[in-house]
Amino acid sequence: MIIAALLQRKLAVLGLAIIAVFVLAAVFAPFIAPFPPEQQFFEGLTLEGAPLPPNAQFWLGTDLLGRDLLSRLIYGARATLLVGVVANGVALAIGALIGVTAGYMRGWVANLLMGFTDLMMAFPVLLLAILLAALTSPGLWKVALVIAMVSWVQVARVVYTETISLSEREYVQAVRSVGASTPRILIRHILPHLLPTLIVWGTLGIATTSLFEAVLSYLGVGVQPPTPSWGNMANENQTYFESAPWLVFFPSLGIAMLALSFNLIGDALRDILDPTLRGRH
């Protein structure tokens, strides 16, 4: 039903198509990429040692080490998508767990958990992420966990508010009065009603975490070379922005298209799953 409704929205279909291209490129990178991402070509630089612009051999040009930019973009989709999906999944799980627990238990449990959530929200997110990334050794999975650690707070707040509302519904009060256990109430009667919110937040969150990875990599504390990601590609090539703008333009374009695609799908899902917004697209 949700898929059918998505396919009726042209912008959502466009977003799905772009994401499908990125995912296929990431999965089948060894078969699609013209060259290995780390291969340096002697003919990939000018006589002065400058990168080559797009040409017949290197369709998107070469970088400052004479590597094929298109191949690195294709392989870089793996890191960008992996960090975005993993970080967002972990953040969603943490936020949902804290929000549901605080919203259902109330009392000192809610005060403790929501107080910690408010404390986390008080810190500048980017500075906190940079600090955590700098304190840990670089690595793809560690970057994903760092982003997750600073991205769960908004989910927790939203889930907390909705859980309070759901726990006061008559059907929840009824099953509680007949002696249903807390895990049963949460799993059978509250979590299913939270799924629309979690689906929308999960979709929109992938765009946010992918952008976050790009920012951290651009600042030099994200995915580290030689592993290519779109963020660190823009970072390592920024010194050539004026003389070789394609080195920054194409990775930045990939990041923008990825974020836009997930936002288009997230907006469509919100319209589909929220009854107050149906028919307004």
Protein backbone atom coordinates (compact mmCIF):
# COMPACT_ATOMS: atom_id res chain seq x y z
CA MET A 1 0.00 0.00 0.00
CA ILE A 2 2.75 2.43 0.96
CA ILE A 3 4.83 1.50 -2.10
CA ALA A 4 1.81 1.97 -4.38
CA ALA A 5 1.12 5.38 -2.85
CA LEU A 6 4.78 6.36 -3.27
CA LEU A 7 4.73 5.38 -6.93
CA GLN A 8 1.86 7.81 -7.50
CA ARG A 9 4.08 10.73 -6.52
CA LYS A 10 6.47 11.82 -9.25
CA LEU A 11 9.01 13.43 -6.93
CA ALA A 12 9.09 10.35 -4.72
CA VAL A 13 9.63 8.14 -7.78
CA LEU A 14 12.48 10.42 -8.83
CA GLY A 15 14.03 10.08 -5.38
CA LEU A 16 13.64 6.30 -5.44
CA ALA A 17 15.25 6.12 -8.87
CA ILE A 18 18.27 8.20 -7.82
CA ILE A 19 18.77 6.16 -4.65
CA ALA A 20 18.44 2.93 -6.63
CA VAL A 21 21.20 4.12 -8.97
CA PHE A 22 23.46 5.00 -6.04
CA VAL A 23 22.81 1.68 -4.28
CA LEU A 24 23.43 -0.36 -7.43
CA ALA A 25 26.62 1.58 -8.08
CA ALA A 26 27.82 0.93 -4.54
CA VAL A 27 26.98 -2.79 -4.60
CA PHE A 28 28.40 -3.47 -8.06
CA ALA A 29 31.28 -1.00 -7.88
CA PRO A 30 33.96 -3.57 -8.87
CA PHE A 31 32.04 -4.33 -12.06
CA ILE A 32 30.94 -0.78 -12.91
CA ALA A 33 33.99 1.34 -12.06
CA PRO A 34 36.31 1.75 -15.06
CA PHE A 35 39.44 1.49 -12.89
CA PRO A 36 40.42 0.52 -9.32
CA PRO A 37 39.87 3.54 -7.04
CA GLU A 38 43.51 3.68 -5.87
CA GLN A 39 45.16 3.21 -9.27
CA GLN A 40 47.34 6.17 -10.19
CA PHE A 41 47.89 6.87 -13.88
CA PHE A 42 51.03 8.46 -15.22
CA GLU A 43 48.92 9.90 -18.02
CA GLY A 44 46.35 11.04 -15.45
CA LEU A 45 48.26 14.27 -14.81
CA THR A 46 49.43 17.04 -17.07
CA LEU A 47 53.11 17.66 -17.65
CA GLU A 48 52.91 20.23 -14.86
CA GLY A 49 51.41 17.65 -12.49
CA ALA A 50 47.88 19.08 -12.52
CA PRO A 51 44.70 16.93 -12.65
CA LEU A 52 43.09 16.30 -16.02
CA PRO A 53 39.64 17.66 -16.84
CA PRO A 54 36.89 15.29 -18.07
CA ASN A 55 37.97 13.58 -21.27
CA ALA A 56 37.40 10.45 -23.36
CA GLN A 57 39.54 8.21 -21.11
CA PHE A 58 38.60 9.69 -17.74
CA TRP A 59 34.97 10.73 -18.07
CA LEU A 60 34.92 12.92 -14.94
CA GLY A 61 38.61 13.79 -15.00
CA THR A 62 41.33 12.81 -12.55
CA ASP A 63 42.27 13.94 -9.06
CA LEU A 64 45.51 15.40 -7.73
CA LEU A 65 47.17 11.95 -7.70
CA GLY A 66 46.12 11.02 -11.20
CA ARG A 67 43.31 8.67 -10.11
CA ASP A 68 40.08 8.32 -12.06
CA LEU A 69 37.46 10.49 -10.37
CA LEU A 70 34.48 8.51 -11.67
CA SER A 71 35.84 5.27 -10.19
CA ARG A 72 36.43 6.93 -6.85
CA LEU A 73 32.93 8.42 -6.88
CA ILE A 74 31.42 4.98 -7.49
CA TYR A 75 33.42 3.39 -4.68
CA GLY A 76 32.82 6.44 -2.47
CA ALA A 77 29.08 5.78 -2.64
CA ARG A 78 29.73 2.67 -0.52
CA ALA A 79 31.17 4.61 2.41
CA THR A 80 28.66 7.44 2.21
CA LEU A 81 25.63 5.14 2.05
CA LEU A 82 26.99 2.74 4.66
CA VAL A 83 27.67 5.47 7.19
CA GLY A 84 24.32 7.10 6.47
CA VAL A 85 22.28 3.91 6.86
CA VAL A 86 24.18 2.45 9.83
CA ALA A 87 24.43 5.72 11.75
CA ASN A 88 20.79 6.52 11.19
CA GLY A 89 19.68 2.99 12.12
CA VAL A 90 21.61 3.09 15.41
CA ALA A 91 20.37 6.61 16.18
CA LEU A 92 16.80 5.56 15.45
CA ALA A 93 17.07 2.53 17.72
CA ILE A 94 18.60 4.51 20.60
CA GLY A 95 16.13 7.37 20.27
CA ALA A 96 13.12 5.05 20.06
CA LEU A 97 14.24 3.00 23.07
CA ILE A 98 14.83 6.07 25.25
CA GLY A 99 11.69 7.85 24.07
CA VAL A 100 9.37 4.85 24.56
CA THR A 101 10.83 4.00 27.97
CA ALA A 102 10.55 7.57 29.25
CA GLY A 103 7.10 8.13 27.76
CA TYR A 104 5.59 4.96 29.18
CA MET A 105 7.33 4.75 32.57
CA ARG A 106 6.98 8.48 33.45
CA GLY A 107 8.15 9.65 36.88
CA TRP A 108 11.82 9.67 37.77
CA VAL A 109 12.68 7.44 34.82
CA ALA A 110 11.33 10.04 32.37
CA ASN A 111 13.01 12.87 34.28
CA LEU A 112 16.36 11.08 34.16
CA LEU A 113 16.21 10.04 30.51
CA MET A 114 14.73 13.28 29.19
CA GLY A 115 17.10 15.30 31.34
CA PHE A 116 20.02 13.48 29.69
CA THR A 117 18.40 14.05 26.29
CA ASP A 118 18.07 17.78 26.97
CA LEU A 119 21.69 17.87 28.11
CA MET A 120 22.79 16.28 24.84
CA MET A 121 20.66 18.75 22.87
CA ALA A 122 22.35 21.65 24.65
CA PHE A 123 25.75 20.78 23.15
CA PRO A 124 26.58 22.03 19.64
CA VAL A 125 26.11 18.84 17.66
CA LEU A 126 28.89 19.42 15.16
CA LEU A 127 31.46 20.32 17.82
CA LEU A 128 30.48 17.29 19.89
CA ALA A 129 30.79 15.01 16.85
CA ILE A 130 34.20 16.46 15.98
CA LEU A 131 35.35 15.94 19.57
CA LEU A 132 34.16 12.33 19.66
CA ALA A 133 35.65 11.59 16.24
CA ALA A 134 38.97 13.15 17.23
CA LEU A 135 39.14 11.09 20.45
CA THR A 136 38.62 7.79 18.61
CA SER A 137 40.88 6.21 16.04
CA PRO A 138 39.63 6.78 12.49
CA GLY A 139 37.51 4.12 10.83
CA LEU A 140 34.35 3.73 8.81
CA TRP A 141 32.31 2.02 11.56
CA LYS A 142 33.55 4.38 14.27
CA VAL A 143 32.48 7.38 12.24
CA ALA A 144 29.02 5.83 11.90
CA LEU A 145 28.78 5.27 15.66
CA VAL A 146 29.99 8.80 16.42
CA ILE A 147 27.29 10.25 14.17
CA ALA A 148 24.69 7.98 15.79
CA MET A 149 25.73 9.15 19.27
CA VAL A 150 24.86 12.76 18.43
CA SER A 151 21.82 12.14 16.22
CA TRP A 152 19.38 10.23 18.44
CA VAL A 153 18.15 13.10 20.59
CA GLN A 154 15.53 14.47 18.19
CA VAL A 155 14.08 11.00 17.67
CA ALA A 156 13.90 10.45 21.42
CA ARG A 157 12.00 13.70 21.93
CA VAL A 158 9.43 12.97 19.23
CA VAL A 159 8.91 9.36 20.34
CA TYR A 160 8.63 10.45 23.98
CA THR A 161 5.82 12.88 23.18
CA GLU A 162 3.91 10.38 21.05
CA THR A 163 4.33 7.59 23.60
CA ILE A 164 2.79 9.75 26.32
CA SER A 165 -0.21 10.38 24.07
CA LEU A 166 -0.54 6.71 23.10
CA SER A 167 -0.22 5.41 26.67
CA GLU A 168 -3.28 7.46 27.64
CA ARG A 169 -5.50 6.01 24.92
CA GLU A 170 -8.48 3.96 26.03
CA TYR A 171 -7.35 0.71 24.43
CA VAL A 172 -3.99 0.91 26.25
CA GLN A 173 -5.74 1.61 29.54
CA ALA A 174 -8.04 -1.34 28.88
CA VAL A 175 -5.28 -3.90 28.26
CA ARG A 176 -3.37 -2.55 31.25
CA SER A 177 -6.44 -3.01 33.47
CA VAL A 178 -6.72 -6.70 32.54
CA GLY A 179 -3.14 -7.33 33.62
CA ALA A 180 -1.18 -7.16 30.36
CA SER A 181 2.56 -6.95 30.96
CA THR A 182 4.55 -3.85 30.09
CA PRO A 183 6.56 -5.55 27.28
CA ARG A 184 3.31 -6.82 25.72
CA ILE A 185 1.70 -3.37 25.86
CA LEU A 186 4.76 -1.74 24.33
CA ILE A 187 5.26 -4.31 21.57
CA ARG A 188 1.65 -5.01 20.66
CA HIS A 189 -0.14 -1.74 21.30
CA ILE A 190 2.32 1.19 21.27
CA LEU A 191 5.20 0.41 18.92
CA PRO A 192 2.92 -0.38 15.93
CA HIS A 193 1.41 3.09 16.23
CA LEU A 194 4.89 4.61 16.35
CA LEU A 195 5.99 2.92 13.13
CA PRO A 196 4.78 5.70 10.79
CA THR A 197 6.78 8.26 12.75
CA LEU A 198 9.85 6.03 12.86
CA ILE A 199 9.63 5.29 9.14
CA VAL A 200 9.49 8.98 8.26
CA TRP A 201 12.27 9.90 10.67
CA GLY A 202 14.34 6.96 9.43
CA THR A 203 14.06 8.10 5.82
CA LEU A 204 14.77 11.75 6.52
CA GLY A 205 17.53 10.80 8.96
CA ILE A 206 19.56 8.99 6.30
CA ALA A 207 19.85 12.26 4.41
CA THR A 208 20.94 14.06 7.59
CA THR A 209 23.51 11.46 8.62
CA SER A 210 24.92 11.25 5.09
CA LEU A 211 25.40 15.02 5.13
CA PHE A 212 26.92 14.74 8.60
CA GLU A 213 29.45 12.18 7.34
CA ALA A 214 30.31 14.48 4.46
CA VAL A 215 30.88 17.40 6.85
CA LEU A 216 33.08 15.35 9.18
CA SER A 217 35.06 13.91 6.28
CA TYR A 218 35.42 17.38 4.79
CA LEU A 219 36.82 18.60 8.10
CA GLY A 220 39.26 15.67 8.18
CA VAL A 221 37.79 13.72 11.13
CA GLY A 222 35.46 11.44 9.17
CA VAL A 223 36.20 8.58 6.81
CA GLN A 224 39.95 8.61 6.26
CA PRO A 225 41.84 8.16 2.98
CA PRO A 226 42.62 5.97 1.15
CA THR A 227 38.98 4.82 1.67
CA PRO A 228 37.02 7.10 -0.67
CA SER A 229 33.88 8.86 0.49
CA TRP A 230 32.26 11.84 -1.15
CA GLY A 231 33.06 14.03 1.85
CA ASN A 232 36.78 13.27 2.05
CA MET A 233 37.07 13.52 -1.75
CA ALA A 234 35.82 17.10 -1.55
CA ASN A 235 38.18 17.72 1.36
CA GLU A 236 41.37 16.39 -0.19
CA ASN A 237 40.72 18.18 -3.49
CA GLN A 238 39.59 21.56 -2.16
CA THR A 239 42.96 23.17 -2.81
CA TYR A 240 42.32 22.68 -6.53
CA PHE A 241 38.85 24.25 -6.43
CA GLU A 242 39.77 27.14 -8.73
CA SER A 243 42.03 25.31 -11.17
CA ALA A 244 40.11 21.97 -11.18
CA PRO A 245 36.56 22.67 -9.94
CA TRP A 246 35.28 19.26 -11.10
CA LEU A 247 37.16 17.62 -8.22
CA VAL A 248 34.86 19.31 -5.70
CA PHE A 249 31.77 19.73 -7.87
CA PHE A 250 31.06 16.06 -8.62
CA PRO A 251 31.40 14.72 -5.03
CA SER A 252 29.33 17.66 -3.75
CA LEU A 253 26.71 16.99 -6.42
CA GLY A 254 26.48 13.35 -5.31
CA ILE A 255 25.98 14.41 -1.67
CA ALA A 256 23.31 16.94 -2.64
CA MET A 257 21.43 14.45 -4.84
CA LEU A 258 21.52 11.77 -2.14
CA ALA A 259 20.18 14.13 0.53
CA LEU A 260 17.52 15.52 -1.81
CA SER A 261 16.36 12.03 -2.82
CA PHE A 262 15.87 10.84 0.74
CA ASN A 263 14.12 14.09 1.62
CA LEU A 264 11.71 13.66 -1.29
CA ILE A 265 10.87 10.14 -0.13
CA GLY A 266 10.58 11.22 3.49
CA ASP A 267 8.21 14.05 2.63
CA ALA A 268 6.06 11.69 0.55
CA LEU A 269 5.95 9.12 3.35
CA ARG A 270 4.94 11.80 5.83
CA ASP A 271 2.07 12.83 3.57
CA ILE A 272 0.99 9.19 3.11
CA LEU A 273 1.21 8.12 6.75
CA ASP A 274 -0.15 11.29 8.36
CA PRO A 275 -3.93 11.36 7.80
CA THR A 276 -4.03 15.14 8.29
CA LEU A 277 -1.78 15.63 5.26
CA ARG A 278 -3.32 13.14 2.84
CA GLY A 279 -4.50 14.60 -0.42
CA ARG A 280 -2.44 17.79 -0.03
CA HIS A 281 0.45 16.73 -2.29
